[in-house]
Protein backbone atom coordinates (compact mmCIF):
# COMPACT_ATOMS: atom_id res chain seq x y z
CA UNK A 1 15.21 16.00 0.10
CA UNK A 2 18.98 16.33 0.38
CA UNK A 3 18.67 16.58 4.16
CA UNK A 4 18.13 14.23 7.06
CA UNK A 5 14.43 15.09 7.33
CA UNK A 6 14.06 14.85 3.56
CA UNK A 7 15.10 11.20 3.71
CA UNK A 8 13.45 10.18 6.99
CA UNK A 9 9.96 11.58 6.41
CA UNK A 10 9.36 9.97 2.98
CA UNK A 11 10.87 6.74 4.31
CA UNK A 12 8.60 6.81 7.34
CA UNK A 13 5.55 7.35 5.13
CA UNK A 14 6.49 4.41 2.87
CA UNK A 15 7.21 2.16 5.86
CA UNK A 16 3.90 2.96 7.57
CA UNK A 17 2.09 2.42 4.27
CA UNK A 18 3.81 -0.97 3.99
CA UNK A 19 2.70 -1.89 7.52
CA UNK A 20 -0.90 -0.94 6.74
CA UNK A 21 -0.84 -2.93 3.51
CA UNK A 22 0.70 -5.90 5.35
CA UNK A 23 -2.30 -5.96 7.72
CA UNK A 24 -4.76 -5.72 4.82
CA UNK A 25 -3.03 -8.46 2.82
CA UNK A 26 -2.77 -10.77 5.84
CA UNK A 27 -6.49 -10.42 6.55
CA UNK A 28 -7.35 -11.11 2.91
CA UNK A 29 -5.12 -14.21 2.81
CA UNK A 30 -6.53 -15.59 6.06
CA UNK A 31 -10.18 -15.19 5.01
CA UNK A 32 -9.49 -15.99 1.32
CA UNK A 33 -10.96 -12.60 0.45
CA UNK A 34 -10.45 -10.41 -2.59
CA UNK A 35 -7.70 -7.81 -2.27
CA UNK A 36 -9.31 -5.41 -4.72
CA UNK A 37 -12.93 -5.76 -3.62
CA UNK A 38 -12.90 -6.79 0.05
CA UNK A 39 -16.16 -7.62 1.75
CA UNK A 40 -17.41 -4.63 3.73
CA UNK A 41 -18.43 -5.37 7.32
CA UNK A 42 -22.16 -5.11 8.05
CA UNK A 43 -21.67 -2.22 10.48
CA UNK A 44 -20.65 -0.04 7.54
CA UNK A 45 -24.09 -0.20 5.91
CA UNK A 46 -25.67 2.51 7.99
CA UNK A 47 -25.54 6.27 7.87
CA UNK A 48 -21.72 6.38 7.86
CA UNK A 49 -21.30 3.95 4.96
CA UNK A 50 -20.01 6.72 2.67
CA UNK A 51 -17.37 7.72 5.24
CA UNK A 52 -16.12 4.13 5.51
CA UNK A 53 -15.82 3.82 1.72
CA UNK A 54 -13.59 6.90 1.29
CA UNK A 55 -10.16 6.14 -0.17
CA UNK A 56 -8.08 7.12 2.85
CA UNK A 57 -4.97 5.76 1.14
CA UNK A 58 -5.45 8.19 -1.73
CA UNK A 59 -6.06 11.07 0.67
CA UNK A 60 -2.93 10.17 2.61
CA UNK A 61 -0.86 10.15 -0.59
CA UNK A 62 -2.19 13.56 -1.59
CA UNK A 63 -1.53 15.08 1.85
CA UNK A 64 1.94 13.52 2.15
CA UNK A 65 2.91 14.56 -1.39
CA UNK A 66 1.70 18.13 -0.85
CA UNK A 67 3.56 18.47 2.47
CA UNK A 68 6.78 17.12 0.97
CA UNK A 69 6.45 19.53 -1.98
CA UNK A 70 6.04 22.45 0.42
CA UNK A 71 9.02 21.27 2.48
CA UNK A 72 11.24 20.91 -0.59
CA UNK A 73 10.39 24.41 -1.78
CA UNK A 74 10.96 25.91 1.68
CA UNK A 75 14.45 24.40 1.91
CA UNK A 76 15.72 26.51 -1.01
CA UNK A 77 16.82 29.98 0.03
CA UNK A 78 15.53 32.59 -2.36
CA UNK A 79 12.98 30.23 -3.90
CA UNK A 80 13.18 27.32 -6.30
CA UNK A 81 13.97 28.72 -9.73
CA UNK A 82 14.39 26.79 -12.96
CA UNK A 83 17.08 28.86 -14.76
CA UNK A 84 19.41 31.71 -13.87
CA UNK A 85 19.63 35.02 -15.65
CA UNK A 86 23.20 34.66 -16.79
CA UNK A 87 24.29 34.30 -20.40
CA UNK A 88 24.13 31.56 -21.42
CA UNK A 89 21.38 30.57 -18.95
CA UNK A 90 21.82 27.39 -16.96
CA UNK A 91 19.40 25.12 -15.16
CA UNK A 92 19.42 25.48 -11.39
CA UNK A 93 18.86 22.97 -8.57
CA UNK A 94 18.67 19.76 -10.67
CA UNK A 95 18.36 17.41 -7.67
CA UNK A 96 15.73 19.56 -5.99
CA UNK A 97 13.63 19.59 -9.16
CA UNK A 98 13.91 15.78 -9.29
CA UNK A 99 12.72 15.56 -5.68
CA UNK A 100 9.84 17.87 -6.53
CA UNK A 101 8.88 15.64 -9.47
CA UNK A 102 8.91 12.55 -7.22
CA UNK A 103 6.62 14.17 -4.67
CA UNK A 104 4.31 15.43 -7.41
CA UNK A 105 3.99 11.86 -8.71
CA UNK A 106 2.98 10.74 -5.22
CA UNK A 107 0.30 13.42 -4.94
CA UNK A 108 -1.06 12.72 -8.43
CA UNK A 109 -1.22 9.00 -7.70
CA UNK A 110 -3.28 9.77 -4.60
CA UNK A 111 -5.63 11.94 -6.68
CA UNK A 112 -6.17 9.10 -9.16
CA UNK A 113 -6.93 6.64 -6.34
CA UNK A 114 -9.44 8.99 -4.77
CA UNK A 115 -11.17 9.79 -8.07
CA UNK A 116 -11.36 6.13 -9.07
CA UNK A 117 -12.89 4.97 -5.79
CA UNK A 118 -15.04 7.91 -4.75
CA UNK A 119 -15.86 10.03 -7.82
CA UNK A 120 -16.30 7.67 -10.77
CA UNK A 121 -19.56 5.70 -10.91
CA UNK A 122 -17.55 2.47 -11.03
CA UNK A 123 -14.06 1.84 -9.69
CA UNK A 124 -11.38 1.57 -12.41
CA UNK A 125 -8.63 -0.73 -11.12
CA UNK A 126 -6.72 -0.54 -14.41
CA UNK A 127 -6.47 3.23 -14.05
CA UNK A 128 -5.15 2.95 -10.48
CA UNK A 129 -2.60 0.26 -11.29
CA UNK A 130 -1.54 1.90 -14.54
CA UNK A 131 -0.92 5.24 -12.83
CA UNK A 132 1.07 3.56 -10.06
CA UNK A 133 3.22 1.63 -12.53
CA UNK A 134 3.84 4.74 -14.62
CA UNK A 135 4.86 6.63 -11.47
CA UNK A 136 7.44 4.00 -10.59
CA UNK A 137 8.79 3.93 -14.15
CA UNK A 138 9.39 7.66 -13.88
CA UNK A 139 10.77 7.27 -10.35
CA UNK A 140 13.28 4.71 -11.59
CA UNK A 141 14.44 7.06 -14.36
CA UNK A 142 14.84 9.88 -11.87
CA UNK A 143 16.74 7.69 -9.41
CA UNK A 144 19.16 6.44 -12.06
CA UNK A 145 20.04 9.98 -13.14
CA UNK A 146 20.02 11.11 -9.50
CA UNK A 147 23.19 9.13 -8.69
CA UNK A 148 25.24 10.30 -11.69
CA UNK A 149 27.41 12.65 -9.66
CA UNK A 150 27.50 10.46 -6.54
CA UNK A 151 30.42 8.38 -5.37
CA UNK A 152 31.54 6.20 -2.51
CA UNK A 153 29.07 5.80 0.33
CA UNK A 154 26.31 7.90 -1.26
CA UNK A 155 26.55 5.95 -4.52
CA UNK A 156 26.31 2.60 -2.73
CA UNK A 157 23.32 3.70 -0.64
CA UNK A 158 21.37 5.01 -3.61
CA UNK A 159 22.31 2.06 -5.84
CA UNK A 160 20.66 -0.33 -3.38
CA UNK A 161 17.61 1.95 -3.28
CA UNK A 162 17.46 1.88 -7.08
CA UNK A 163 17.49 -1.93 -6.89
CA UNK A 164 14.42 -1.92 -4.62
CA UNK A 165 12.60 0.53 -6.89
CA UNK A 166 13.40 -1.63 -9.92
CA UNK A 167 12.05 -4.80 -8.28
CA UNK A 168 8.94 -2.97 -7.12
CA UNK A 169 8.39 -1.70 -10.65
CA UNK A 170 8.52 -5.29 -11.96
CA UNK A 171 6.01 -6.50 -9.37
CA UNK A 172 3.61 -3.63 -10.10
CA UNK A 173 3.92 -4.31 -13.83
CA UNK A 174 2.99 -7.97 -13.25
CA UNK A 175 -0.07 -6.82 -11.27
CA UNK A 176 -1.46 -5.24 -14.42
CA UNK A 177 -2.23 -8.76 -15.66
CA UNK A 178 -2.91 -10.36 -12.25
CA UNK A 179 -4.18 -7.53 -10.02
CA UNK A 180 -5.76 -9.82 -7.41
CA UNK A 181 -2.90 -12.33 -6.96
CA UNK A 182 -1.97 -12.51 -3.28
CA UNK A 183 1.66 -13.53 -3.97
CA UNK A 184 2.29 -10.32 -5.89
CA UNK A 185 0.67 -8.26 -3.15
CA UNK A 186 2.93 -9.87 -0.54
CA UNK A 187 6.03 -9.06 -2.60
CA UNK A 188 4.78 -5.50 -3.16
CA UNK A 189 4.24 -5.05 0.57
CA UNK A 190 7.69 -6.38 1.39
CA UNK A 191 9.34 -4.05 -1.14
CA UNK A 192 7.43 -1.04 0.21
CA UNK A 193 8.73 -1.90 3.69
CA UNK A 194 12.25 -2.23 2.29
CA UNK A 195 12.05 1.06 0.40
CA UNK A 196 10.81 2.93 3.48
CA UNK A 197 13.22 1.44 6.01
CA UNK A 198 16.25 1.80 3.73
CA UNK A 199 15.37 5.42 2.92
CA UNK A 200 15.31 6.17 6.64
CA UNK A 201 18.60 4.32 7.07
CA UNK A 202 20.07 6.40 4.24
CA UNK A 203 19.25 9.57 6.19
CA UNK A 204 21.24 8.31 9.18
CA UNK A 205 24.16 7.10 7.05
CA UNK A 206 24.54 10.27 4.98
CA UNK A 207 23.63 12.99 7.47
CA UNK A 208 23.55 11.69 11.07
CA UNK A 209 25.86 8.70 11.57
CA UNK A 210 25.29 6.87 14.83
CA UNK A 211 29.02 6.98 15.64
CA UNK A 212 29.09 10.75 15.24
CA UNK A 213 31.74 10.56 12.52
CA UNK A 214 30.98 10.70 8.79
CA UNK A 215 31.35 7.60 6.67
CA UNK A 216 34.50 7.53 4.53
CA UNK A 217 34.19 7.20 0.77
CA UNK A 218 37.70 5.77 0.43
CA UNK A 219 37.25 3.14 3.15
CA UNK A 220 36.23 -0.18 1.61
CA UNK A 221 34.97 -1.52 4.94
CA UNK A 222 32.36 1.28 5.08
CA UNK A 223 31.17 0.41 1.57
CA UNK A 224 30.93 -3.29 2.46
CA UNK A 225 29.01 -2.62 5.68
CA UNK A 226 26.40 -0.63 3.76
CA UNK A 227 25.57 -3.81 1.83
CA UNK A 228 25.60 -5.75 5.11
CA UNK A 229 23.12 -3.32 6.64
CA UNK A 230 20.94 -3.67 3.56
CA UNK A 231 20.86 -7.44 4.05
CA UNK A 232 19.92 -6.92 7.68
CA UNK A 233 17.02 -4.76 6.51
CA UNK A 234 15.92 -7.62 4.24
CA UNK A 235 15.83 -10.04 7.17
CA UNK A 236 14.18 -7.59 9.58
CA UNK A 237 11.44 -6.58 7.14
CA UNK A 238 10.81 -10.22 6.20
CA UNK A 239 10.49 -11.10 9.89
CA UNK A 240 8.19 -8.10 10.39
CA UNK A 241 5.96 -9.28 7.55
CA UNK A 242 5.81 -12.82 8.97
CA UNK A 243 5.12 -11.45 12.45
CA UNK A 244 2.21 -9.34 11.23
CA UNK A 245 0.75 -12.33 9.42
CA UNK A 246 1.16 -14.54 12.50
CA UNK A 247 -0.45 -12.00 14.83
CA UNK A 248 -3.28 -11.45 12.36
CA UNK A 249 -3.83 -15.20 12.06
CA UNK A 250 -4.09 -15.77 15.82
CA UNK A 251 -6.18 -12.61 16.28
CA UNK A 252 -8.75 -13.62 13.68
CA UNK A 253 -8.67 -17.22 14.87
CA UNK A 254 -9.52 -16.15 18.42
CA UNK A 255 -12.26 -13.74 17.36
CA UNK A 256 -13.58 -15.63 14.32
CA UNK A 257 -16.35 -17.49 16.26
CA UNK A 258 -17.67 -14.18 17.56
CA UNK A 259 -17.42 -12.63 14.09
CA UNK A 260 -19.24 -15.58 12.53
CA UNK A 261 -21.99 -15.32 15.13
CA UNK A 262 -22.40 -11.61 14.43
CA UNK A 263 -22.43 -12.27 10.69
CA UNK A 264 -25.07 -14.98 11.04
CA UNK A 265 -27.26 -12.62 13.04
CA UNK A 266 -26.86 -9.72 10.64
CA UNK A 267 -26.71 -11.57 7.30
CA UNK A 268 -29.44 -10.54 4.86
CA UNK A 269 -30.42 -14.11 4.05
CA UNK A 270 -31.21 -14.83 7.71
CA UNK A 271 -33.82 -12.14 8.08
CA UNK A 272 -37.35 -12.98 9.10
CA UNK A 273 -38.98 -11.44 6.02
CA UNK A 274 -40.08 -14.36 3.82
CA UNK A 275 -39.32 -14.12 0.13
CA UNK A 276 -41.15 -15.75 -2.80
CA UNK A 277 -38.90 -18.80 -2.81
CA UNK A 278 -39.37 -19.26 0.91
CA UNK A 279 -43.17 -19.06 0.48
CA UNK A 280 -43.09 -21.70 -2.24
CA UNK A 281 -41.15 -24.04 0.02
CA UNK A 282 -43.66 -23.55 2.82
CA UNK A 283 -46.58 -24.24 0.46
CA UNK A 284 -44.88 -27.40 -0.85
CA UNK A 285 -44.23 -28.68 2.68
CA UNK A 286 -47.83 -27.94 3.68
CA UNK A 287 -49.20 -29.81 0.63
CA UNK A 288 -47.01 -32.84 1.44
CA UNK A 289 -48.33 -32.86 5.00
CA UNK A 290 -51.95 -32.68 3.74
CA UNK A 291 -51.36 -35.60 1.34
CA UNK A 292 -49.84 -37.72 4.12
CA UNK A 293 -52.75 -36.94 6.44
CA UNK A 294 -55.23 -37.90 3.66
CA UNK A 295 -53.48 -41.22 3.02
CA UNK A 296 -53.43 -42.07 6.73
CA UNK A 297 -57.14 -41.27 7.04
CA UNK A 298 -57.99 -43.49 4.04
CA UNK A 299 -55.87 -46.44 5.25
CA UNK A 300 -57.32 -46.35 8.77
CA UNK A 301 -60.41 -48.65 9.40
């Protein structure tokens, strides 16, 4: 991960995941729907219902984690070894092993999501949230020790990333007690966008500066502008989140009459098959009509 691609690819995955979650959260807020158990559209009740219910988020985490693990191992010439053969032996590639642990946590979290939603007889939300929170606790520990030997520009970049991870860990911990609270989901989505965009920005700052010249560790203006760029990311990601919600609101507002009409046509309680309660109502109405007809016939001369 200590390369340009090693920063940009994980950041791109986190940013795209944040965009997807922003769309899901916006739809749930607009329709006042549950974020954990959203209502499935009626078109998904046919032959392909099982395909629609697959946890694609879990599969994406597993695939992304596995690819990043393979990339991290391939970047080490001679293979990724744990200890050398010298006396006394010493641990080798400490940062690379930390990267490998981070990617393994991502893949394992995807496995838990997939098993909970598609293998277990009943979805276990506590298991999914608990695994995600535990992964971010471990990620925070790894990130804190990851910047021990950093200084200057690299230290400032990673310190701001540690701040985002810490805030995300707090939000995910709060979701253990309120897993369906929309405010927490909005904050989680915003922090995922921040984590992804800032990780991509870190790749450009540390490895491919836009100016073509490396950032200077002893230049205070470079250190200050890193914080300024971070604040710009806060504003841009906040505007992106508001824009997605606004577009989703107008989209569903324009198409909601058509969706309501389709729902009314396909809703199970609008079918033509009469149930027992419906038959009782018909019999009651028919008896009332017979009584009225009998009274009118008796009162007529």
